[in-house]
Amino acid sequence: MQSTGYRTRALLTVHALLTNTRVSACAITFAFLSANGDQARVQTQGPALSEHRESKGPAPLDAITTILDAFRTHPVVGLEEEHTDEGSHAFRLSLIRDPRFPVVVNDILVEFGNSRYQDIVDRFIGGEPVADENLKKVWQNTTQAHTIWDRPIYEDFYRAVRAINATLPPERRLRVLLGDPPFDWDAVRTADDLRKRSVARSKHPADILVREVLAKRRRALVIYGALHLWKQNLQGPNLIEHVEKDGGIKAFVVLTHPHASLDVLRANPESWPVPSIALTRGSNVENQLDAILYLGPVSGKRKSQLSAALCSDAAYREMRTRRMALDGNERAAEQLEKECAAAR
């Protein structure tokens, strides 16, 4: 029988999270999910519970091998894109540069690209010359008005795939699929225009996977934020839930500690190699995600910053400030100035 005390503690934790705007919705979701099942524990990003440290958790597995092995039984594997995190970016590069990757994976679906420019990315990834002025539209013109995708790690990812493809025979070359809905910023004049932008941010990338991957019997790595991947989340049907329903498949989902805390698996990762991964099979969250990736202690995380060259571009600053203001950010100019100060 489920412990009422644990459920009550979970609800109190969620209440506390809801009153703290600095905590992500992903952490709130995890608090609810951790409350389901006997002897569940609620843990977000704080210190681990002592009970977990005293319990023997799962053994760490090799992260890249585990993810690649998942493609043997799952045509779609979701990997959390921890926004602006350099460690997550470094891991993604290690994964796609592994010589086994193009043997088992055909496509990579990314959140940080406007599908209106799919033809540009196809040409660029295929090795054709593409002017920087055109290429940057891919990540600068998504439905999102913020500066996140302007960080150099996202451009770097596209260039890394291009370099990998240059070493591969045509039949092994990777394709990058842009998951953000097609959106034309030139048609945006008012805040009302902007409200139409995100209607299909979950359904559109799922449709791409069904049409471009599953229908062609291909396999895809999906690089998206946690709430797009986490099943049974508090935001309604997401990308993974749509593709599982519409495509009739079971996806393999990998989220990153501490967004998905290893404490729920009673794991103590302090002595684990970096990177490592743990499967959730048999745990209280096995129906929401399949594995938790460990990329080192939270204290070692580093955020990618805007480049000084980008911040010195007056046209860029005017464009980004205007879009953020249209999106309701009343301190858009001040925020961008602060972010650019960190780049200098």
Protein backbone atom coordinates (compact mmCIF):
# COMPACT_ATOMS: atom_id res chain seq x y z
CA MET A 1 0.00 0.00 0.00
CA GLN A 2 1.31 3.44 -0.88
CA SER A 3 2.51 5.58 2.01
CA THR A 4 0.27 8.62 2.63
CA GLY A 5 3.22 10.37 4.22
CA TYR A 6 5.29 10.21 1.04
CA ARG A 7 2.37 11.43 -1.08
CA THR A 8 1.78 14.32 1.31
CA ARG A 9 5.48 15.20 1.25
CA ALA A 10 5.41 15.16 -2.55
CA LEU A 11 2.47 17.55 -2.68
CA LEU A 12 4.14 19.89 -0.21
CA THR A 13 7.29 19.84 -2.33
CA VAL A 14 5.29 20.64 -5.44
CA HIS A 15 3.59 23.53 -3.63
CA ALA A 16 7.00 24.88 -2.67
CA LEU A 17 8.24 24.50 -6.23
CA LEU A 18 5.23 26.27 -7.65
CA THR A 19 5.98 29.30 -5.48
CA ASN A 20 9.60 29.37 -6.66
CA THR A 21 9.87 30.68 -10.22
CA ARG A 22 13.54 29.70 -10.36
CA VAL A 23 12.67 26.01 -10.37
CA SER A 24 11.80 24.47 -13.74
CA ALA A 25 8.49 22.83 -14.59
CA CYS A 26 10.56 19.72 -15.22
CA ALA A 27 11.51 19.59 -11.54
CA ILE A 28 7.86 20.02 -10.57
CA THR A 29 6.92 17.14 -12.84
CA PHE A 30 9.59 14.97 -11.27
CA ALA A 31 8.22 15.68 -7.81
CA PHE A 32 4.83 14.33 -8.87
CA LEU A 33 6.30 11.31 -10.62
CA SER A 34 8.54 10.44 -7.70
CA ALA A 35 5.46 10.26 -5.47
CA ASN A 36 4.00 7.33 -7.43
CA GLY A 37 4.90 3.95 -5.96
CA ASP A 38 5.78 2.37 -2.64
CA GLN A 39 8.49 4.06 -0.60
CA ALA A 40 8.86 6.87 -3.16
CA ARG A 41 11.10 9.80 -2.38
CA VAL A 42 10.72 13.40 -3.51
CA GLN A 43 13.94 15.03 -4.64
CA THR A 44 14.60 17.87 -7.07
CA GLN A 45 17.97 19.56 -7.14
CA GLY A 46 18.79 19.73 -3.45
CA PRO A 47 20.98 17.47 -1.29
CA ALA A 48 20.29 13.74 -1.54
CA LEU A 49 18.19 12.06 1.12
CA SER A 50 20.25 10.04 3.57
CA GLU A 51 18.14 6.94 2.95
CA HIS A 52 19.30 6.94 -0.67
CA ARG A 53 22.95 7.19 0.23
CA GLU A 54 22.57 4.15 2.45
CA SER A 55 20.81 2.08 -0.24
CA LYS A 56 22.60 0.29 -3.01
CA GLY A 57 21.55 1.79 -6.33
CA PRO A 58 22.12 0.70 -9.92
CA ALA A 59 25.62 0.27 -11.29
CA PRO A 60 26.72 2.99 -13.71
CA LEU A 61 26.81 1.99 -17.36
CA ASP A 62 28.81 3.36 -20.28
CA ALA A 63 26.63 6.22 -21.52
CA ILE A 64 27.41 6.13 -25.24
CA THR A 65 27.20 2.35 -25.53
CA THR A 66 23.89 2.25 -23.65
CA ILE A 67 22.32 4.89 -25.89
CA LEU A 68 23.54 3.21 -29.07
CA ASP A 69 22.31 -0.17 -27.83
CA ALA A 70 18.86 1.35 -27.30
CA PHE A 71 18.51 1.77 -31.07
CA ARG A 72 18.45 -2.02 -31.44
CA THR A 73 14.91 -2.08 -30.06
CA HIS A 74 13.76 1.55 -30.39
CA PRO A 75 13.62 3.52 -33.67
CA VAL A 76 13.50 6.80 -31.73
CA VAL A 77 15.78 7.73 -28.82
CA GLY A 78 15.21 11.03 -27.04
CA LEU A 79 18.20 12.76 -25.42
CA GLU A 80 17.64 15.81 -23.23
CA GLU A 81 18.98 19.10 -24.56
CA GLU A 82 19.95 20.89 -21.36
CA HIS A 83 19.69 24.42 -22.70
CA THR A 84 23.00 26.34 -22.96
CA ASP A 85 24.89 23.68 -20.96
CA GLU A 86 28.39 23.11 -22.32
CA GLY A 87 28.72 19.68 -20.73
CA SER A 88 25.58 18.43 -22.45
CA HIS A 89 26.86 19.81 -25.74
CA ALA A 90 30.24 18.09 -25.29
CA PHE A 91 28.50 14.79 -24.61
CA ARG A 92 26.34 15.12 -27.73
CA LEU A 93 29.43 15.71 -29.82
CA SER A 94 31.13 12.65 -28.32
CA LEU A 95 28.04 10.60 -29.09
CA ILE A 96 27.67 11.58 -32.74
CA ARG A 97 31.44 11.35 -33.33
CA ASP A 98 31.54 7.77 -32.10
CA PRO A 99 32.21 5.58 -35.18
CA ARG A 100 29.28 3.33 -34.20
CA PHE A 101 26.78 6.20 -34.37
CA PRO A 102 26.25 6.47 -38.16
CA VAL A 103 26.01 2.68 -38.33
CA VAL A 104 22.85 2.61 -36.20
CA VAL A 105 21.41 6.14 -36.57
CA ASN A 106 20.18 7.87 -39.72
CA ASP A 107 18.67 11.15 -38.54
CA ILE A 108 18.99 13.71 -35.74
CA LEU A 109 15.91 15.78 -34.88
CA VAL A 110 16.80 19.03 -33.08
CA GLU A 111 14.77 21.65 -31.24
CA PHE A 112 17.11 24.49 -32.20
CA GLY A 113 16.15 24.87 -35.84
CA ASN A 114 13.25 26.42 -37.79
CA SER A 115 11.92 23.78 -40.20
CA ARG A 116 11.25 26.56 -42.71
CA TYR A 117 14.96 26.30 -43.48
CA GLN A 118 15.23 22.51 -43.84
CA ASP A 119 16.55 22.85 -47.38
CA ILE A 120 19.39 25.10 -46.15
CA VAL A 121 20.44 22.59 -43.51
CA ASP A 122 20.20 19.67 -45.95
CA ARG A 123 22.59 21.45 -48.29
CA PHE A 124 24.95 22.52 -45.51
CA ILE A 125 25.08 19.12 -43.79
CA GLY A 126 25.58 17.54 -47.19
CA GLY A 127 28.76 19.54 -47.71
CA GLU A 128 27.51 22.22 -50.08
CA PRO A 129 28.59 25.84 -49.59
CA VAL A 130 26.07 27.90 -47.63
CA ALA A 131 26.65 31.54 -46.74
CA ASP A 132 26.81 32.26 -42.99
CA GLU A 133 24.11 34.90 -43.46
CA ASN A 134 21.70 32.20 -44.62
CA LEU A 135 22.83 29.48 -42.24
CA LYS A 136 22.26 31.51 -39.08
CA LYS A 137 18.57 31.91 -39.97
CA VAL A 138 18.14 28.26 -38.98
CA TRP A 139 18.66 28.87 -35.25
CA GLN A 140 18.10 32.63 -34.98
CA ASN A 141 14.63 32.52 -36.55
CA THR A 142 12.91 29.80 -34.51
CA THR A 143 9.55 30.42 -32.86
CA GLN A 144 11.41 31.33 -29.67
CA ALA A 145 12.24 35.01 -29.16
CA HIS A 146 14.94 34.37 -26.54
CA THR A 147 18.72 34.25 -26.96
CA ILE A 148 19.25 30.60 -26.04
CA TRP A 149 19.85 29.25 -29.54
CA ASP A 150 22.20 32.16 -30.31
CA ARG A 151 24.88 30.53 -28.16
CA PRO A 152 27.77 29.21 -30.26
CA ILE A 153 27.26 25.59 -29.14
CA TYR A 154 24.22 25.26 -31.41
CA GLU A 155 25.95 26.47 -34.56
CA ASP A 156 28.86 24.26 -33.54
CA PHE A 157 26.58 21.21 -33.55
CA TYR A 158 25.56 21.74 -37.18
CA ARG A 159 29.18 22.21 -38.19
CA ALA A 160 30.17 19.05 -36.31
CA VAL A 161 27.61 16.96 -38.23
CA ARG A 162 28.83 18.46 -41.51
CA ALA A 163 32.41 17.47 -40.62
CA ILE A 164 31.33 13.93 -39.71
CA ASN A 165 29.44 13.53 -42.98
CA ALA A 166 32.51 14.58 -44.92
CA THR A 167 34.19 11.37 -43.69
CA LEU A 168 31.28 9.04 -44.48
CA PRO A 169 30.06 7.34 -47.65
CA PRO A 170 26.79 8.80 -48.99
CA GLU A 171 24.63 5.97 -47.66
CA ARG A 172 25.90 6.51 -44.11
CA ARG A 173 25.62 10.30 -43.97
CA LEU A 174 23.51 11.76 -41.21
CA ARG A 175 20.53 14.02 -41.81
CA VAL A 176 19.61 16.78 -39.36
CA LEU A 177 15.86 17.38 -39.15
CA LEU A 178 14.67 20.75 -37.89
CA GLY A 179 11.85 20.27 -35.40
CA ASP A 180 10.62 23.79 -34.67
CA PRO A 181 7.46 24.69 -36.67
CA PRO A 182 8.01 26.81 -39.79
CA PHE A 183 7.70 30.43 -38.76
CA ASP A 184 8.22 33.65 -40.70
CA TRP A 185 9.39 36.51 -38.50
CA ASP A 186 9.04 38.92 -41.42
CA ALA A 187 5.27 38.49 -41.06
CA VAL A 188 5.28 39.41 -37.36
CA ARG A 189 4.19 42.94 -36.64
CA THR A 190 2.36 42.66 -33.33
CA ALA A 191 2.22 40.53 -30.19
CA ASP A 192 -0.95 38.95 -31.57
CA ASP A 193 1.01 37.69 -34.58
CA LEU A 194 3.52 36.16 -32.22
CA ARG A 195 0.91 34.24 -30.23
CA LYS A 196 0.32 31.98 -33.22
CA ARG A 197 3.89 30.73 -33.24
CA SER A 198 3.96 27.80 -30.80
CA VAL A 199 0.68 26.04 -31.44
CA ALA A 200 2.34 22.91 -32.84
CA ARG A 201 5.71 22.82 -31.04
CA SER A 202 4.95 19.29 -29.81
CA LYS A 203 2.88 17.89 -32.69
CA HIS A 204 4.97 19.28 -35.54
CA PRO A 205 8.26 17.51 -34.66
CA ALA A 206 6.31 14.31 -33.96
CA ASP A 207 4.81 14.52 -37.44
CA ILE A 208 8.31 14.94 -38.88
CA LEU A 209 9.46 11.78 -37.10
CA VAL A 210 6.48 9.79 -38.37
CA ARG A 211 6.88 11.03 -41.95
CA GLU A 212 10.66 11.28 -42.38
CA VAL A 213 11.88 8.56 -40.02
CA LEU A 214 9.33 5.88 -39.16
CA ALA A 215 7.63 5.74 -42.57
CA LYS A 216 11.06 5.24 -44.17
CA ARG A 217 12.19 2.65 -41.60
CA ARG A 218 14.97 4.91 -40.37
CA ARG A 219 16.18 5.63 -36.82
CA ALA A 220 16.49 9.02 -35.18
CA LEU A 221 18.16 10.64 -32.19
CA VAL A 222 15.88 13.38 -30.84
CA ILE A 223 17.65 16.27 -29.10
CA TYR A 224 15.03 18.31 -27.24
CA GLY A 225 14.38 19.90 -23.87
CA ALA A 226 13.24 17.62 -21.05
CA LEU A 227 9.56 18.57 -21.05
CA HIS A 228 9.28 17.59 -24.71
CA LEU A 229 10.55 14.09 -23.86
CA TRP A 230 9.27 13.28 -20.38
CA LYS A 231 6.17 11.07 -20.64
CA GLN A 232 3.15 11.85 -18.46
CA ASN A 233 4.42 15.36 -17.75
CA LEU A 234 2.25 18.15 -16.41
CA GLN A 235 2.14 20.09 -19.68
CA GLY A 236 -0.09 17.70 -21.68
CA PRO A 237 0.89 15.41 -24.61
CA ASN A 238 4.42 16.19 -25.71
CA LEU A 239 6.64 15.28 -28.65
CA ILE A 240 7.43 11.75 -27.45
CA GLU A 241 3.85 10.96 -26.49
CA HIS A 242 2.60 12.16 -29.88
CA VAL A 243 5.13 10.09 -31.84
CA GLU A 244 4.48 6.98 -29.77
CA LYS A 245 0.73 7.29 -30.39
CA ASP A 246 0.85 8.36 -34.04
CA GLY A 247 3.78 6.15 -35.03
CA GLY A 248 2.82 3.11 -33.00
CA ILE A 249 6.29 2.79 -31.47
CA LYS A 250 7.98 2.86 -28.08
CA ALA A 251 10.64 5.56 -27.74
CA PHE A 252 13.65 5.36 -25.41
CA VAL A 253 14.00 8.52 -23.31
CA VAL A 254 17.20 9.74 -21.64
CA LEU A 255 17.10 12.71 -19.27
CA THR A 256 19.97 14.32 -17.40
CA HIS A 257 20.67 14.45 -13.67
CA PRO A 258 19.61 16.53 -11.76
CA HIS A 259 16.53 17.37 -13.89
CA ALA A 260 15.76 13.69 -13.47
CA SER A 261 17.40 13.07 -10.12
CA LEU A 262 19.41 9.90 -9.62
CA ASP A 263 18.16 9.95 -6.02
CA VAL A 264 14.92 8.33 -7.17
CA LEU A 265 17.03 5.31 -8.17
CA ARG A 266 18.82 5.40 -4.79
CA ALA A 267 22.04 6.01 -6.71
CA ASN A 268 25.09 7.81 -5.40
CA PRO A 269 26.96 9.06 -8.48
CA GLU A 270 29.81 10.77 -6.62
CA SER A 271 32.26 8.02 -7.56
CA TRP A 272 30.83 7.36 -11.02
CA PRO A 273 32.87 7.89 -14.19
CA VAL A 274 31.80 10.90 -16.26
CA PRO A 275 29.77 10.37 -18.35
CA SER A 276 27.71 7.49 -16.98
CA ILE A 277 24.11 6.38 -17.30
CA ALA A 278 21.64 4.41 -15.19
CA LEU A 279 18.51 2.60 -16.38
CA THR A 280 15.22 3.28 -14.62
CA ARG A 281 13.82 -0.22 -15.12
CA GLY A 282 12.07 -1.36 -11.95
CA SER A 283 11.91 2.14 -10.46
CA ASN A 284 8.97 4.45 -9.79
CA VAL A 285 9.68 6.45 -12.95
CA GLU A 286 10.20 3.67 -15.49
CA ASN A 287 7.00 4.65 -17.29
CA GLN A 288 8.19 8.25 -17.72
CA LEU A 289 11.80 7.77 -18.83
CA ASP A 290 14.21 4.94 -19.56
CA ALA A 291 17.56 6.22 -18.35
CA ILE A 292 19.22 9.03 -16.41
CA LEU A 293 22.46 10.49 -17.73
CA TYR A 294 25.15 11.69 -15.33
CA LEU A 295 27.54 14.35 -16.64
CA GLY A 296 29.20 15.29 -13.37
CA PRO A 297 28.31 17.33 -10.29
CA VAL A 298 26.05 20.34 -10.63
CA SER A 299 28.82 22.54 -9.28
CA GLY A 300 30.86 21.82 -12.40
CA LYS A 301 28.23 22.89 -14.91
CA ARG A 302 29.07 25.76 -17.27
CA LYS A 303 26.74 27.81 -19.44
CA SER A 304 27.61 28.77 -22.98
CA GLN A 305 27.61 32.56 -23.42
CA LEU A 306 26.85 34.74 -26.39
CA SER A 307 29.92 35.47 -28.47
CA ALA A 308 31.55 38.89 -28.41
CA ALA A 309 31.36 39.02 -32.22
CA LEU A 310 27.60 38.49 -32.17
CA CYS A 311 27.08 41.09 -29.47
CA SER A 312 29.04 43.65 -31.50
CA ASP A 313 26.59 43.19 -34.38
CA ALA A 314 24.14 46.11 -34.13
CA ALA A 315 21.64 44.47 -36.49
CA TYR A 316 21.54 41.35 -34.34
CA ARG A 317 21.02 43.32 -31.13
CA GLU A 318 18.19 45.33 -32.66
CA MET A 319 16.52 42.17 -34.01
CA ARG A 320 16.77 40.20 -30.77
CA THR A 321 15.66 43.09 -28.56
CA ARG A 322 12.62 43.77 -30.75
CA ARG A 323 11.55 40.12 -30.75
CA MET A 324 11.95 39.68 -27.00
CA ALA A 325 9.94 42.86 -26.44
CA LEU A 326 7.16 41.59 -28.71
CA ASP A 327 7.19 38.42 -26.62
CA GLY A 328 6.34 40.45 -23.53
CA ASN A 329 9.83 41.00 -22.11
CA GLU A 330 9.64 44.58 -20.84
CA ARG A 331 13.34 44.56 -19.98
CA ALA A 332 14.54 43.06 -23.26
CA ALA A 333 17.27 45.63 -23.92
CA GLU A 334 18.55 45.40 -20.36
CA GLN A 335 18.60 41.61 -20.45
CA LEU A 336 20.47 41.45 -23.73
CA GLU A 337 22.98 44.02 -22.49
CA LYS A 338 23.60 41.89 -19.39
CA GLU A 339 24.08 38.73 -21.47
CA CYS A 340 26.44 40.50 -23.83
CA ALA A 341 28.44 41.89 -20.90
CA ALA A 342 29.22 38.28 -19.95
CA ALA A 343 30.56 37.68 -23.46
CA ARG A 344 33.19 40.39 -23.23
